[in-house]
Protein backbone atom coordinates (compact mmCIF):
# COMPACT_ATOMS: atom_id res chain seq x y z
CA MET A 1 0.00 0.00 0.00
CA THR A 2 2.86 2.36 0.76
CA GLY A 3 4.13 2.24 -2.82
CA LEU A 4 0.66 2.82 -4.25
CA PHE A 5 -0.11 5.90 -2.20
CA ARG A 6 3.40 7.27 -2.81
CA ALA A 7 2.73 6.89 -6.52
CA ILE A 8 -0.57 8.77 -6.18
CA ALA A 9 1.25 11.55 -4.32
CA ILE A 10 3.82 11.78 -7.10
CA LEU A 11 1.07 11.99 -9.68
CA SER A 12 -0.65 14.88 -7.93
CA ALA A 13 2.66 16.70 -7.72
CA VAL A 14 3.82 16.36 -11.33
CA PHE A 15 0.53 16.44 -13.19
CA ALA A 16 0.75 20.16 -13.89
CA PHE A 17 0.40 22.22 -17.04
CA SER A 18 2.99 24.98 -17.30
CA GLY A 19 1.36 26.89 -20.15
CA ALA A 20 1.00 30.68 -20.16
CA ALA A 21 -1.88 30.95 -17.71
CA LYS A 22 -2.99 34.50 -16.91
CA ALA A 23 -2.33 35.47 -13.30
CA HIS A 24 -5.56 35.98 -11.37
CA VAL A 25 -7.14 35.68 -7.95
CA PRO A 26 -9.37 32.62 -8.15
CA ASP A 27 -13.06 32.67 -7.37
CA GLY A 28 -12.98 30.00 -4.69
CA GLU A 29 -16.68 29.24 -4.71
CA THR A 30 -16.73 28.80 -8.49
CA PHE A 31 -13.59 26.66 -8.36
CA VAL A 32 -14.94 24.31 -5.70
CA ASN A 33 -18.30 24.07 -7.46
CA ALA A 34 -16.52 23.20 -10.72
CA PHE A 35 -14.68 20.41 -8.92
CA ARG A 36 -17.92 19.09 -7.45
CA GLN A 37 -19.64 19.17 -10.82
CA ALA A 38 -16.80 17.42 -12.64
CA CYS A 39 -15.52 14.95 -10.06
CA VAL A 40 -18.33 13.90 -7.73
CA PRO A 41 -21.20 12.49 -9.82
CA GLN A 42 -19.31 9.56 -11.41
CA ARG A 43 -16.43 9.28 -8.94
CA LEU A 44 -16.84 5.48 -8.61
CA SER A 45 -16.00 4.96 -12.29
CA TYR A 46 -13.05 6.00 -14.42
CA ALA A 47 -15.01 5.71 -17.68
CA GLY A 48 -18.04 7.33 -16.10
CA THR A 49 -16.02 10.30 -14.86
CA ARG A 50 -14.36 10.77 -18.25
CA ASP A 51 -17.73 10.74 -20.02
CA HIS A 52 -19.24 13.07 -17.45
CA VAL A 53 -16.37 15.58 -17.71
CA ARG A 54 -16.77 15.60 -21.49
CA SER A 55 -20.51 16.16 -21.11
CA LEU A 56 -19.78 19.33 -19.15
CA GLY A 57 -17.86 20.75 -22.10
CA TRP A 58 -14.28 19.99 -21.06
CA LYS A 59 -12.06 19.11 -24.03
CA GLU A 60 -9.93 15.98 -23.83
CA LEU A 61 -6.30 16.82 -24.52
CA GLU A 62 -3.63 14.89 -26.36
CA PRO A 63 -0.07 15.07 -25.04
CA THR A 64 1.03 16.64 -28.32
CA ASP A 65 -1.37 19.56 -27.84
CA ASP A 66 1.39 21.33 -25.94
CA ALA A 67 5.10 20.59 -25.57
CA ASP A 68 5.15 21.30 -21.83
CA LEU A 69 2.02 19.23 -21.28
CA GLN A 70 3.56 16.37 -23.24
CA LYS A 71 6.70 16.48 -21.09
CA LEU A 72 4.73 16.48 -17.87
CA LEU A 73 2.39 13.69 -18.93
CA GLN A 74 5.42 11.57 -19.78
CA LYS A 75 6.95 12.43 -16.40
CA SER A 76 3.81 11.56 -14.45
CA ASP A 77 3.30 8.31 -16.36
CA LYS A 78 6.89 7.32 -15.64
CA ALA A 79 6.53 8.13 -11.94
CA ILE A 80 3.45 5.94 -11.57
CA LEU A 81 4.86 3.06 -13.59
CA GLU A 82 8.11 3.09 -11.63
CA GLU A 83 6.11 2.66 -8.40
CA ALA A 84 3.77 0.04 -9.82
CA GLU A 85 4.22 -3.57 -8.87
CA LYS A 86 3.73 -6.50 -11.24
CA GLY A 87 0.15 -6.73 -12.47
CA TRP A 88 -0.81 -3.13 -11.67
CA THR A 89 -2.43 -1.04 -14.42
CA TYR A 90 -2.63 2.71 -14.83
CA GLU A 91 -4.89 4.90 -16.97
CA ARG A 92 -5.21 8.67 -17.16
CA SER A 93 -6.98 11.36 -19.15
CA ALA A 94 -6.49 15.12 -19.17
CA PHE A 95 -9.11 17.73 -20.05
CA GLY A 96 -8.92 21.48 -20.57
CA GLY A 97 -11.54 24.17 -20.17
CA PHE A 98 -12.21 27.66 -18.89
CA ILE A 99 -13.64 28.87 -15.61
CA GLY A 100 -14.35 32.58 -15.50
CA GLY A 101 -12.30 33.02 -18.66
CA ASP A 102 -9.20 31.40 -17.16
CA PRO A 103 -7.81 28.02 -18.28
CA HIS A 104 -8.26 25.10 -15.91
CA PHE A 105 -7.48 21.40 -16.21
CA VAL A 106 -9.19 18.25 -15.01
CA VAL A 107 -7.16 15.05 -14.75
CA VAL A 108 -8.83 11.68 -14.22
CA THR A 109 -6.81 8.60 -13.26
CA ARG A 110 -7.29 4.93 -12.47
CA VAL A 111 -4.67 2.87 -10.65
CA HIS A 112 -5.57 -0.82 -10.34
CA ALA A 113 -3.58 -2.82 -7.80
CA PRO A 114 -5.02 -6.36 -7.96
CA GLU A 115 -6.00 -7.86 -4.60
CA ILE A 116 -5.25 -4.48 -2.95
CA ILE A 117 -7.32 -1.55 -4.22
CA THR A 118 -8.38 0.30 -7.36
CA LEU A 119 -8.34 4.09 -7.05
CA ILE A 120 -10.14 6.59 -9.26
CA GLY A 121 -8.50 10.00 -8.96
CA CYS A 122 -9.94 13.36 -10.00
CA TYR A 123 -7.88 16.54 -9.96
CA LEU A 124 -8.77 20.16 -10.78
CA TYR A 125 -5.89 22.57 -11.47
CA ASP A 126 -5.73 26.35 -11.80
CA PHE A 127 -2.17 27.23 -12.73
CA GLY A 128 -2.78 30.96 -12.97
CA ALA A 129 -4.04 31.31 -9.40
CA THR A 130 -2.10 33.86 -7.34
CA ALA A 131 -4.03 33.33 -4.10
CA PRO A 132 -5.36 30.30 -2.24
CA VAL A 133 -8.93 29.04 -2.20
CA ASP A 134 -10.70 29.39 1.16
CA PRO A 135 -10.62 25.89 2.75
CA GLN A 136 -13.96 26.60 4.45
CA LEU A 137 -15.58 26.12 1.04
CA VAL A 138 -14.27 22.55 0.95
CA THR A 139 -15.25 22.00 4.58
CA ASP A 140 -18.80 23.10 3.74
CA PHE A 141 -18.82 20.75 0.76
CA LEU A 142 -17.55 17.72 2.70
CA GLY A 143 -19.30 18.43 5.99
CA THR A 144 -16.11 17.80 7.97
CA PRO A 145 -13.13 20.00 8.99
CA PRO A 146 -9.62 19.39 7.65
CA GLY A 147 -7.57 16.97 9.68
CA GLU A 148 -4.22 18.39 8.60
CA THR A 149 -2.85 21.77 7.53
CA ILE A 150 0.61 22.37 6.08
CA GLU A 151 2.28 25.75 5.58
CA GLU A 152 5.79 25.53 4.22
CA LYS A 153 7.94 27.76 2.03
CA GLY A 154 5.16 29.30 -0.03
CA MET A 155 2.94 26.20 -0.01
CA THR A 156 -0.32 25.84 1.88
CA GLY A 157 -2.09 22.50 1.98
CA TYR A 158 -5.17 21.05 3.64
CA THR A 159 -6.23 17.41 3.97
CA TRP A 160 -9.73 16.23 4.79
CA GLY A 161 -10.39 12.63 5.74
CA PRO A 162 -13.22 10.56 4.28
CA SER A 163 -16.59 12.34 4.29
CA PRO A 164 -19.86 10.57 5.10
CA LYS A 165 -21.31 12.51 2.15
CA LEU A 166 -19.01 10.68 -0.27
CA PRO A 167 -18.98 6.93 0.40
CA ARG A 168 -15.78 5.19 -0.77
CA THR A 169 -13.95 8.49 -1.32
CA LEU A 170 -10.69 8.74 0.62
CA ASP A 171 -8.76 11.91 1.45
CA THR A 172 -9.50 15.25 -0.23
CA ASN A 173 -6.59 17.68 -0.69
CA LEU A 174 -6.40 21.40 -1.44
CA PHE A 175 -3.05 22.98 -2.27
CA PHE A 176 -1.79 26.46 -3.14
CA ILE A 177 1.81 26.98 -4.24
CA THR A 178 3.23 30.40 -5.09
CA LYS A 179 5.33 30.88 -8.21
CA GLY A 180 8.33 31.89 -6.07
CA SER A 181 8.08 28.91 -3.75
CA PRO A 182 10.88 26.34 -3.73
CA MET A 183 8.06 23.82 -3.43
CA ARG A 184 7.16 24.64 -7.02
CA ASP A 185 10.16 22.70 -8.26
CA ALA A 186 9.47 19.85 -5.88
CA SER A 187 5.79 19.61 -6.77
CA GLY A 188 5.98 20.53 -10.45
CA PHE A 189 3.34 23.28 -10.41
CA ALA A 190 2.29 26.63 -9.01
CA GLY A 191 -1.31 27.63 -8.44
CA VAL A 192 -4.25 25.78 -6.91
CA LEU A 193 -5.07 22.07 -6.91
CA LEU A 194 -8.15 20.32 -5.47
CA LYS A 195 -8.25 16.53 -5.68
CA PHE A 196 -9.52 13.30 -4.22
CA GLU A 197 -9.26 9.55 -4.81
CA THR A 198 -12.16 7.09 -4.62
CA SER A 199 -12.04 3.33 -4.12
CA GLU A 200 -13.65 1.62 -7.09
CA PRO A 201 -16.32 -0.94 -6.11
CA ASP A 202 -15.48 -4.60 -6.66
CA GLY A 203 -16.52 -5.77 -10.10
CA ALA A 204 -16.68 -2.26 -11.56
CA GLU A 205 -14.79 -1.27 -14.67
């Protein structure tokens, strides 16, 4: 299990798009609502989440759509596959769209570790964000306060444990990293990220 969750952590750190995003203060309520709309309804299914995200108007991206995106997708894929044990499988899709006129990205993943767990991940990125999103908005959404807060070298992070409102969903994470933070190099992105992983039901595909 340690290797699997380390791989998921690596994915959330490197799955960033370094395109020329316009600097802006994010609308936290709109951002969190966009995450809820994209990631919650079909969170038990990788294919279901992909189809749902498309239905909302997000455009599926190919790695070759952008040189930086291509490099980062290759990096994230490599990180997951290096952590994977024999028999594990990994799938991922990236989508682009606009919220309030600013580019945002949804990433959907599936890591299948036979006899252990299958995790469906959903991530919403805003790489132009110059300020954090109010964590109270996520607390209101989940109905539970964060269990952990991290403030380190220009990075602020919050972790919420499983919410009774979202059966099978594990931790939810909210991060903000400034462009001048040394954590930007370590994590691979600056801006805001909201994400969670959900345990896929047995027998689902």
